């Protein structure tokens, strides 16, 4: 069943990707959600409508959680209320700011869960034609090539990491800034790419050693977190506990560097709790 679901997810991800790529030539109508860095366009909405229509036609009994249609609700609560049976967790354009500015790091992300657990995932970047996908227990792939997390970086000093700011944390007192400062000089370098689903896939294929982020929603990570684990990586929350989609913090690594990375994040967490 999961293999069939994956095939449909791959087909529809490519279809949504074609639509978003075509709409790049149009004049985008841009709206704010929370602030100037939390944006939505007609392309986001049309891509989600396309995916929802395909799902309603083929899998009418499955539930859907999508960023645009469900953005006004508490996504974690909504996920926990819908854990029975098969569900589809959709981000029609992850990296909308990149999309608006024509930065080629954005994707459609489709995660499929059964009884609350990820069983299949697809992340597709239409500009690079890179389709990352995985089925639980079946490994992770980039197009037709099997993926494995990097085995080269086994110490933090060798690691290239990525992170980002969530929309509500984009201000001078951001909680991300102290964490970033702690990593500066401790790892090889840091990146802020602006699309969590793709950053997770980059951990899975070895381009990044690790990725951490706070304030992510289920639609940001449902596909990418499975792709990392199926590529042999490790995914937890910031405290090192087993990750599930109702958590708002995530650390994904090649495994070798995981404990060092979480220990630095926890140093900052403990410091903030004191204050």
C-alpha atoms as a PDB file:
ATOM      1  CA  UNK A   1       0.000   0.000   0.000  1.00  0.00           C
ATOM      2  CA  UNK A   2       2.762   2.468   0.934  1.00  0.00           C
ATOM      3  CA  UNK A   3       4.529   1.841  -2.389  1.00  0.00           C
ATOM      4  CA  UNK A   4       1.343   2.764  -4.241  1.00  0.00           C
ATOM      5  CA  UNK A   5       0.910   5.882  -2.098  1.00  0.00           C
ATOM      6  CA  UNK A   6       4.492   6.879  -2.822  1.00  0.00           C
ATOM      7  CA  UNK A   7       3.992   6.549  -6.567  1.00  0.00           C
ATOM      8  CA  UNK A   8       0.997   8.870  -6.431  1.00  0.00           C
ATOM      9  CA  UNK A   9       2.871  11.318  -4.190  1.00  0.00           C
ATOM     10  CA  UNK A  10       5.768  11.416  -6.644  1.00  0.00           C
ATOM     11  CA  UNK A  11       3.423  11.963  -9.591  1.00  0.00           C
ATOM     12  CA  UNK A  12       1.523  14.754  -7.855  1.00  0.00           C
ATOM     13  CA  UNK A  13       4.694  16.390  -6.508  1.00  0.00           C
ATOM     14  CA  UNK A  14       5.995  16.671 -10.068  1.00  0.00           C
ATOM     15  CA  UNK A  15       2.647  18.045 -11.194  1.00  0.00           C
ATOM     16  CA  UNK A  16       2.650  20.687  -8.430  1.00  0.00           C
ATOM     17  CA  UNK A  17       6.285  21.450  -9.211  1.00  0.00           C
ATOM     18  CA  UNK A  18       5.459  22.067 -12.848  1.00  0.00           C
ATOM     19  CA  UNK A  19       2.698  24.449 -11.794  1.00  0.00           C
ATOM     20  CA  UNK A  20       4.891  26.437  -9.393  1.00  0.00           C
ATOM     21  CA  UNK A  21       7.660  26.621 -11.985  1.00  0.00           C
ATOM     22  CA  UNK A  22       5.204  27.915 -14.604  1.00  0.00           C
ATOM     23  CA  UNK A  23       3.841  30.509 -12.177  1.00  0.00           C
ATOM     24  CA  UNK A  24       7.314  31.945 -11.621  1.00  0.00           C
ATOM     25  CA  UNK A  25       6.791  33.722 -14.930  1.00  0.00           C
ATOM     26  CA  UNK A  26       3.641  35.409 -13.603  1.00  0.00           C
ATOM     27  CA  UNK A  27       3.469  38.493 -11.421  1.00  0.00           C
ATOM     28  CA  UNK A  28       3.096  37.021  -7.938  1.00  0.00           C
ATOM     29  CA  UNK A  29       0.525  38.415  -5.542  1.00  0.00           C
ATOM     30  CA  UNK A  30       2.328  38.359  -2.186  1.00  0.00           C
ATOM     31  CA  UNK A  31       0.561  38.450   1.181  1.00  0.00           C
ATOM     32  CA  UNK A  32       1.920  38.498   4.725  1.00  0.00           C
ATOM     33  CA  UNK A  33       0.877  35.964   7.307  1.00  0.00           C
ATOM     34  CA  UNK A  34       2.687  36.710  10.585  1.00  0.00           C
ATOM     35  CA  UNK A  35       5.225  39.273   9.374  1.00  0.00           C
ATOM     36  CA  UNK A  36       7.366  40.412   6.422  1.00  0.00           C
ATOM     37  CA  UNK A  37       9.267  37.117   6.411  1.00  0.00           C
ATOM     38  CA  UNK A  38       6.185  34.858   6.589  1.00  0.00           C
ATOM     39  CA  UNK A  39       4.664  35.084   3.135  1.00  0.00           C
ATOM     40  CA  UNK A  40       2.158  33.357   0.891  1.00  0.00           C
ATOM     41  CA  UNK A  41       1.431  33.695  -2.835  1.00  0.00           C
ATOM     42  CA  UNK A  42      -1.281  32.518  -5.194  1.00  0.00           C
ATOM     43  CA  UNK A  43       1.178  29.823  -6.285  1.00  0.00           C
ATOM     44  CA  UNK A  44       1.232  28.338  -2.757  1.00  0.00           C
ATOM     45  CA  UNK A  45      -2.562  28.226  -2.701  1.00  0.00           C
ATOM     46  CA  UNK A  46      -3.006  26.857  -6.214  1.00  0.00           C
ATOM     47  CA  UNK A  47      -0.418  24.121  -5.673  1.00  0.00           C
ATOM     48  CA  UNK A  48      -2.149  23.029  -2.472  1.00  0.00           C
ATOM     49  CA  UNK A  49      -5.547  23.099  -4.176  1.00  0.00           C
ATOM     50  CA  UNK A  50      -4.147  20.879  -6.929  1.00  0.00           C
ATOM     51  CA  UNK A  51      -2.795  18.357  -4.426  1.00  0.00           C
ATOM     52  CA  UNK A  52      -6.003  18.352  -2.381  1.00  0.00           C
ATOM     53  CA  UNK A  53      -8.112  17.769  -5.492  1.00  0.00           C
ATOM     54  CA  UNK A  54      -5.965  14.803  -6.568  1.00  0.00           C
ATOM     55  CA  UNK A  55      -6.179  13.312  -3.077  1.00  0.00           C
ATOM     56  CA  UNK A  56      -9.926  13.806  -2.784  1.00  0.00           C
ATOM     57  CA  UNK A  57     -10.395  11.979  -6.092  1.00  0.00           C
ATOM     58  CA  UNK A  58      -8.115   8.991  -5.431  1.00  0.00           C
ATOM     59  CA  UNK A  59      -8.053   8.676  -1.625  1.00  0.00           C
ATOM     60  CA  UNK A  60     -11.287  10.244  -0.339  1.00  0.00           C
ATOM     61  CA  UNK A  61     -10.982   8.452   3.008  1.00  0.00           C
ATOM     62  CA  UNK A  62      -7.568   9.918   3.866  1.00  0.00           C
ATOM     63  CA  UNK A  63      -7.198  13.067   5.949  1.00  0.00           C
ATOM     64  CA  UNK A  64      -5.090  16.064   4.849  1.00  0.00           C
ATOM     65  CA  UNK A  65      -3.103  18.651   6.787  1.00  0.00           C
ATOM     66  CA  UNK A  66      -1.758  21.440   4.577  1.00  0.00           C
ATOM     67  CA  UNK A  67       0.142  24.629   5.287  1.00  0.00           C
ATOM     68  CA  UNK A  68      -2.100  27.069   3.458  1.00  0.00           C
ATOM     69  CA  UNK A  69      -5.601  25.742   4.142  1.00  0.00           C
ATOM     70  CA  UNK A  70      -4.697  24.918   7.760  1.00  0.00           C
ATOM     71  CA  UNK A  71      -2.261  27.750   8.539  1.00  0.00           C
ATOM     72  CA  UNK A  72      -4.703  29.484  10.889  1.00  0.00           C
ATOM     73  CA  UNK A  73      -4.845  26.581  13.345  1.00  0.00           C
ATOM     74  CA  UNK A  74      -2.410  25.026  15.816  1.00  0.00           C
ATOM     75  CA  UNK A  75      -0.749  22.503  13.504  1.00  0.00           C
ATOM     76  CA  UNK A  76       0.541  20.321  16.359  1.00  0.00           C
ATOM     77  CA  UNK A  77      -2.919  19.981  17.911  1.00  0.00           C
ATOM     78  CA  UNK A  78      -4.478  19.408  14.495  1.00  0.00           C
ATOM     79  CA  UNK A  79      -1.992  16.623  13.818  1.00  0.00           C
ATOM     80  CA  UNK A  80      -2.648  14.924  17.155  1.00  0.00           C
ATOM     81  CA  UNK A  81      -6.386  15.055  16.515  1.00  0.00           C
ATOM     82  CA  UNK A  82      -5.994  13.300  13.141  1.00  0.00           C
ATOM     83  CA  UNK A  83      -3.648  10.425  13.944  1.00  0.00           C
ATOM     84  CA  UNK A  84      -5.982   7.578  12.883  1.00  0.00           C
ATOM     85  CA  UNK A  85      -5.542   5.881   9.514  1.00  0.00           C
ATOM     86  CA  UNK A  86      -3.709   7.356   6.537  1.00  0.00           C
ATOM     87  CA  UNK A  87      -3.032  11.069   6.316  1.00  0.00           C
ATOM     88  CA  UNK A  88      -1.210  13.408   3.933  1.00  0.00           C
ATOM     89  CA  UNK A  89       0.805  16.322   5.312  1.00  0.00           C
ATOM     90  CA  UNK A  90       1.501  18.897   2.610  1.00  0.00           C
ATOM     91  CA  UNK A  91       3.661  21.958   2.180  1.00  0.00           C
ATOM     92  CA  UNK A  92       2.866  23.122  -1.367  1.00  0.00           C
ATOM     93  CA  UNK A  93       5.896  25.436  -1.509  1.00  0.00           C
ATOM     94  CA  UNK A  94       8.427  25.070   1.269  1.00  0.00           C
ATOM     95  CA  UNK A  95      10.708  28.082   0.956  1.00  0.00           C
ATOM     96  CA  UNK A  96       8.184  30.648  -0.259  1.00  0.00           C
ATOM     97  CA  UNK A  97      10.579  33.559   0.330  1.00  0.00           C
ATOM     98  CA  UNK A  98      13.170  31.801  -1.841  1.00  0.00           C
ATOM     99  CA  UNK A  99      10.466  31.212  -4.445  1.00  0.00           C
ATOM    100  CA  UNK A 100       9.474  34.889  -4.495  1.00  0.00           C
ATOM    101  CA  UNK A 101      13.106  35.962  -4.908  1.00  0.00           C
ATOM    102  CA  UNK A 102      13.877  33.240  -7.493  1.00  0.00           C
ATOM    103  CA  UNK A 103      16.434  31.576  -5.217  1.00  0.00           C
ATOM    104  CA  UNK A 104      16.492  27.967  -6.461  1.00  0.00           C
ATOM    105  CA  UNK A 105      16.007  26.335  -3.054  1.00  0.00           C
ATOM    106  CA  UNK A 106      12.295  25.587  -2.662  1.00  0.00           C
ATOM    107  CA  UNK A 107      10.195  22.458  -2.951  1.00  0.00           C
ATOM    108  CA  UNK A 108       6.862  20.749  -2.664  1.00  0.00           C
ATOM    109  CA  UNK A 109       6.846  18.440   0.355  1.00  0.00           C
ATOM    110  CA  UNK A 110       4.402  15.565   0.800  1.00  0.00           C
ATOM    111  CA  UNK A 111       4.554  13.355   3.885  1.00  0.00           C
ATOM    112  CA  UNK A 112       2.283  10.344   4.270  1.00  0.00           C
ATOM    113  CA  UNK A 113       1.536   8.980   7.734  1.00  0.00           C
ATOM    114  CA  UNK A 114      -0.337   5.974   9.060  1.00  0.00           C
ATOM    115  CA  UNK A 115      -1.666   6.123  12.616  1.00  0.00           C
ATOM    116  CA  UNK A 116       0.559   9.140  13.210  1.00  0.00           C
ATOM    117  CA  UNK A 117       3.797   7.584  11.965  1.00  0.00           C
ATOM    118  CA  UNK A 118       5.537   8.605   8.713  1.00  0.00           C
ATOM    119  CA  UNK A 119       5.436   5.804   6.147  1.00  0.00           C
ATOM    120  CA  UNK A 120       6.375   7.618   2.928  1.00  0.00           C
ATOM    121  CA  UNK A 121       7.688  10.997   1.882  1.00  0.00           C
ATOM    122  CA  UNK A 122       8.480  13.047  -1.212  1.00  0.00           C
ATOM    123  CA  UNK A 123      10.351  16.351  -1.536  1.00  0.00           C
ATOM    124  CA  UNK A 124      10.651  17.788  -5.050  1.00  0.00           C
ATOM    125  CA  UNK A 125      12.635  20.811  -6.229  1.00  0.00           C
ATOM    126  CA  UNK A 126      11.279  21.603  -9.724  1.00  0.00           C
ATOM    127  CA  UNK A 127      14.151  23.917 -10.695  1.00  0.00           C
ATOM    128  CA  UNK A 128      16.820  21.263 -10.159  1.00  0.00           C
ATOM    129  CA  UNK A 129      14.499  18.334 -10.982  1.00  0.00           C
ATOM    130  CA  UNK A 130      15.659  16.598  -7.798  1.00  0.00           C
ATOM    131  CA  UNK A 131      13.020  14.302  -6.349  1.00  0.00           C
ATOM    132  CA  UNK A 132      13.886  12.903  -2.925  1.00  0.00           C
ATOM    133  CA  UNK A 133      11.683  10.064  -1.733  1.00  0.00           C
ATOM    134  CA  UNK A 134      11.474   7.266   0.818  1.00  0.00           C
ATOM    135  CA  UNK A 135       9.199   4.504   2.067  1.00  0.00           C
ATOM    136  CA  UNK A 136       9.553   3.295   5.639  1.00  0.00           C
ATOM    137  CA  UNK A 137      11.874   0.291   5.638  1.00  0.00           C
ATOM    138  CA  UNK A 138      12.714   0.720   1.954  1.00  0.00           C
ATOM    139  CA  UNK A 139      15.552   3.230   2.003  1.00  0.00           C
ATOM    140  CA  UNK A 140      15.797   6.787   0.684  1.00  0.00           C
ATOM    141  CA  UNK A 141      16.467   7.902  -2.888  1.00  0.00           C
ATOM    142  CA  UNK A 142      17.319  10.945  -4.965  1.00  0.00           C
ATOM    143  CA  UNK A 143      15.589  10.224  -8.259  1.00  0.00           C
ATOM    144  CA  UNK A 144      16.852   6.655  -8.841  1.00  0.00           C
ATOM    145  CA  UNK A 145      20.033   6.790  -6.714  1.00  0.00           C
ATOM    146  CA  UNK A 146      20.066   5.286  -3.221  1.00  0.00           C
ATOM    147  CA  UNK A 147      20.967   7.784  -0.492  1.00  0.00           C
ATOM    148  CA  UNK A 148      23.210   7.506   2.545  1.00  0.00           C
ATOM    149  CA  UNK A 149      24.138  10.192   5.037  1.00  0.00           C
ATOM    150  CA  UNK A 150      27.763  11.292   5.009  1.00  0.00           C
ATOM    151  CA  UNK A 151      30.224   8.960   6.701  1.00  0.00           C
ATOM    152  CA  UNK A 152      33.118  11.413   6.351  1.00  0.00           C
ATOM    153  CA  UNK A 153      32.294  13.984   9.035  1.00  0.00           C
ATOM    154  CA  UNK A 154      32.592  12.232  12.373  1.00  0.00           C
ATOM    155  CA  UNK A 155      33.472  15.243  14.517  1.00  0.00           C
ATOM    156  CA  UNK A 156      31.714  18.548  14.941  1.00  0.00           C
ATOM    157  CA  UNK A 157      34.788  20.409  13.704  1.00  0.00           C
ATOM    158  CA  UNK A 158      34.290  18.691  10.312  1.00  0.00           C
ATOM    159  CA  UNK A 159      30.552  19.349  10.071  1.00  0.00           C
ATOM    160  CA  UNK A 160      28.674  21.718   7.779  1.00  0.00           C
ATOM    161  CA  UNK A 161      25.398  22.555   9.499  1.00  0.00           C
ATOM    162  CA  UNK A 162      22.227  24.405   8.596  1.00  0.00           C
ATOM    163  CA  UNK A 163      19.539  26.139  10.609  1.00  0.00           C
ATOM    164  CA  UNK A 164      17.007  28.933  10.235  1.00  0.00           C
ATOM    165  CA  UNK A 165      14.650  31.345  11.950  1.00  0.00           C
ATOM    166  CA  UNK A 166      10.976  30.494  12.279  1.00  0.00           C
ATOM    167  CA  UNK A 167       8.555  33.290  11.441  1.00  0.00           C
ATOM    168  CA  UNK A 168       7.726  34.204  15.033  1.00  0.00           C
ATOM    169  CA  UNK A 169      11.401  34.336  16.003  1.00  0.00           C
ATOM    170  CA  UNK A 170      12.558  36.830  13.371  1.00  0.00           C
ATOM    171  CA  UNK A 171      13.629  39.705  15.667  1.00  0.00           C
ATOM    172  CA  UNK A 172      16.685  41.089  17.460  1.00  0.00           C
ATOM    173  CA  UNK A 173      16.202  38.882  20.536  1.00  0.00           C
ATOM    174  CA  UNK A 174      15.786  35.686  18.506  1.00  0.00           C
ATOM    175  CA  UNK A 175      16.463  32.502  20.457  1.00  0.00           C
ATOM    176  CA  UNK A 176      18.330  31.156  17.429  1.00  0.00           C
ATOM    177  CA  UNK A 177      21.111  33.754  17.672  1.00  0.00           C
ATOM    178  CA  UNK A 178      22.801  32.453  20.876  1.00  0.00           C
ATOM    179  CA  UNK A 179      22.771  28.924  19.427  1.00  0.00           C
ATOM    180  CA  UNK A 180      24.344  30.116  16.193  1.00  0.00           C
ATOM    181  CA  UNK A 181      27.052  31.953  18.155  1.00  0.00           C
ATOM    182  CA  UNK A 182      27.917  28.764  20.052  1.00  0.00           C
ATOM    183  CA  UNK A 183      28.455  26.886  16.782  1.00  0.00           C
ATOM    184  CA  UNK A 184      30.579  29.594  15.167  1.00  0.00           C
ATOM    185  CA  UNK A 185      34.173  28.374  15.253  1.00  0.00           C
ATOM    186  CA  UNK A 186      33.122  24.924  16.507  1.00  0.00           C
ATOM    187  CA  UNK A 187      31.916  23.478  13.205  1.00  0.00           C
ATOM    188  CA  UNK A 188      33.313  23.789   9.690  1.00  0.00           C
ATOM    189  CA  UNK A 189      30.607  26.269   8.675  1.00  0.00           C
ATOM    190  CA  UNK A 190      26.926  27.178   8.865  1.00  0.00           C
ATOM    191  CA  UNK A 191      24.267  27.654   6.206  1.00  0.00           C
ATOM    192  CA  UNK A 192      20.800  29.219   6.292  1.00  0.00           C
ATOM    193  CA  UNK A 193      19.093  27.978   3.144  1.00  0.00           C
ATOM    194  CA  UNK A 194      15.443  28.756   3.877  1.00  0.00           C
ATOM    195  CA  UNK A 195      13.640  25.466   3.141  1.00  0.00           C
ATOM    196  CA  UNK A 196      13.613  22.894   5.933  1.00  0.00           C
ATOM    197  CA  UNK A 197      12.347  20.014   3.795  1.00  0.00           C
ATOM    198  CA  UNK A 198      15.264  20.386   1.381  1.00  0.00           C
ATOM    199  CA  UNK A 199      17.791  20.901   4.177  1.00  0.00           C
ATOM    200  CA  UNK A 200      16.693  17.581   5.640  1.00  0.00           C
ATOM    201  CA  UNK A 201      17.135  15.945   2.241  1.00  0.00           C
ATOM    202  CA  UNK A 202      20.588  17.505   1.999  1.00  0.00           C
ATOM    203  CA  UNK A 203      21.474  15.797   5.278  1.00  0.00           C
ATOM    204  CA  UNK A 204      20.183  12.548   3.790  1.00  0.00           C
ATOM    205  CA  UNK A 205      22.386  12.844   0.695  1.00  0.00           C
ATOM    206  CA  UNK A 206      25.480  14.100   2.547  1.00  0.00           C
ATOM    207  CA  UNK A 207      25.584  17.717   1.378  1.00  0.00           C
ATOM    208  CA  UNK A 208      24.971  18.770   4.981  1.00  0.00           C
ATOM    209  CA  UNK A 209      26.186  17.016   8.110  1.00  0.00           C
ATOM    210  CA  UNK A 210      23.342  18.249  10.259  1.00  0.00           C
ATOM    211  CA  UNK A 211      20.344  20.535  10.520  1.00  0.00           C
ATOM    212  CA  UNK A 212      18.592  21.947  13.563  1.00  0.00           C
ATOM    213  CA  UNK A 213      15.566  24.189  13.842  1.00  0.00           C
ATOM    214  CA  UNK A 214      12.903  25.308  16.289  1.00  0.00           C
ATOM    215  CA  UNK A 215       9.307  26.181  15.410  1.00  0.00           C
ATOM    216  CA  UNK A 216       8.878  23.833  12.472  1.00  0.00           C
ATOM    217  CA  UNK A 217       5.407  22.500  11.695  1.00  0.00           C
ATOM    218  CA  UNK A 218       4.442  18.943  10.695  1.00  0.00           C
ATOM    219  CA  UNK A 219       4.221  19.966   7.025  1.00  0.00           C
ATOM    220  CA  UNK A 220       7.854  21.186   7.143  1.00  0.00           C
ATOM    221  CA  UNK A 221       9.293  17.866   8.316  1.00  0.00           C
ATOM    222  CA  UNK A 222       6.867  14.973   7.688  1.00  0.00           C
ATOM    223  CA  UNK A 223       8.621  13.921   4.473  1.00  0.00           C
ATOM    224  CA  UNK A 224      12.181  15.065   5.178  1.00  0.00           C
ATOM    225  CA  UNK A 225      12.524  13.465   8.605  1.00  0.00           C
ATOM    226  CA  UNK A 226      11.648  10.043   7.160  1.00  0.00           C
ATOM    227  CA  UNK A 227      14.062  10.547   4.263  1.00  0.00           C
ATOM    228  CA  UNK A 228      16.891  11.265   6.739  1.00  0.00           C
ATOM    229  CA  UNK A 229      16.221   8.184   8.853  1.00  0.00           C
ATOM    230  CA  UNK A 230      15.862   5.957   5.790  1.00  0.00           C
ATOM    231  CA  UNK A 231      19.247   7.271   4.599  1.00  0.00           C
ATOM    232  CA  UNK A 232      20.815   6.106   7.873  1.00  0.00           C
ATOM    233  CA  UNK A 233      20.683   9.407   9.736  1.00  0.00           C
ATOM    234  CA  UNK A 234      19.398  10.283  13.181  1.00  0.00           C
ATOM    235  CA  UNK A 235      16.470  12.582  13.998  1.00  0.00           C
ATOM    236  CA  UNK A 236      15.536  13.756  17.518  1.00  0.00           C
ATOM    237  CA  UNK A 237      14.146  16.803  19.235  1.00  0.00           C
ATOM    238  CA  UNK A 238      16.590  19.332  20.713  1.00  0.00           C
ATOM    239  CA  UNK A 239      16.770  17.327  23.960  1.00  0.00           C
ATOM    240  CA  UNK A 240      17.784  14.144  22.139  1.00  0.00           C
ATOM    241  CA  UNK A 241      14.398  12.430  22.538  1.00  0.00           C
ATOM    242  CA  UNK A 242      12.900  10.389  19.721  1.00  0.00           C
ATOM    243  CA  UNK A 243      11.277  12.760  17.257  1.00  0.00           C
ATOM    244  CA  UNK A 244       7.596  12.754  16.372  1.00  0.00           C
ATOM    245  CA  UNK A 245       5.601  15.162  14.249  1.00  0.00           C
ATOM    246  CA  UNK A 246       3.898  16.940  17.157  1.00  0.00           C
ATOM    247  CA  UNK A 247       7.286  18.267  18.352  1.00  0.00           C
ATOM    248  CA  UNK A 248       8.304  21.828  17.511  1.00  0.00           C
ATOM    249  CA  UNK A 249      12.077  21.263  17.581  1.00  0.00           C
ATOM    250  CA  UNK A 250      14.199  18.996  15.418  1.00  0.00           C
ATOM    251  CA  UNK A 251      17.839  17.959  15.114  1.00  0.00           C
ATOM    252  CA  UNK A 252      18.795  15.792  12.111  1.00  0.00           C
ATOM    253  CA  UNK A 253      22.351  14.572  11.525  1.00  0.00           C
ATOM    254  CA  UNK A 254      24.501  11.886   9.987  1.00  0.00           C
ATOM    255  CA  UNK A 255      24.532  10.240  13.425  1.00  0.00           C
ATOM    256  CA  UNK A 256      28.250  10.587  14.104  1.00  0.00           C
ATOM    257  CA  UNK A 257      27.973  14.241  15.125  1.00  0.00           C
ATOM    258  CA  UNK A 258      24.543  14.123  16.736  1.00  0.00           C
ATOM    259  CA  UNK A 259      25.506  14.098  20.408  1.00  0.00           C
ATOM    260  CA  UNK A 260      27.993  16.947  19.991  1.00  0.00           C
ATOM    261  CA  UNK A 261      25.402  19.064  18.204  1.00  0.00           C
ATOM    262  CA  UNK A 262      22.613  18.469  20.706  1.00  0.00           C
ATOM    263  CA  UNK A 263      24.974  19.120  23.619  1.00  0.00           C
ATOM    264  CA  UNK A 264      25.697  22.620  22.265  1.00  0.00           C
ATOM    265  CA  UNK A 265      22.012  23.308  21.691  1.00  0.00           C
ATOM    266  CA  UNK A 266      21.230  22.121  25.222  1.00  0.00           C
ATOM    267  CA  UNK A 267      23.858  24.472  26.667  1.00  0.00           C
ATOM    268  CA  UNK A 268      21.847  27.362  25.287  1.00  0.00           C
ATOM    269  CA  UNK A 269      18.518  25.859  26.345  1.00  0.00           C
ATOM    270  CA  UNK A 270      19.742  25.462  29.931  1.00  0.00           C
ATOM    271  CA  UNK A 271      21.081  29.015  29.916  1.00  0.00           C
ATOM    272  CA  UNK A 272      17.732  30.402  28.730  1.00  0.00           C
ATOM    273  CA  UNK A 273      15.857  28.411  31.392  1.00  0.00           C
ATOM    274  CA  UNK A 274      18.021  30.007  34.089  1.00  0.00           C
ATOM    275  CA  UNK A 275      17.012  33.422  32.865  1.00  0.00           C
END
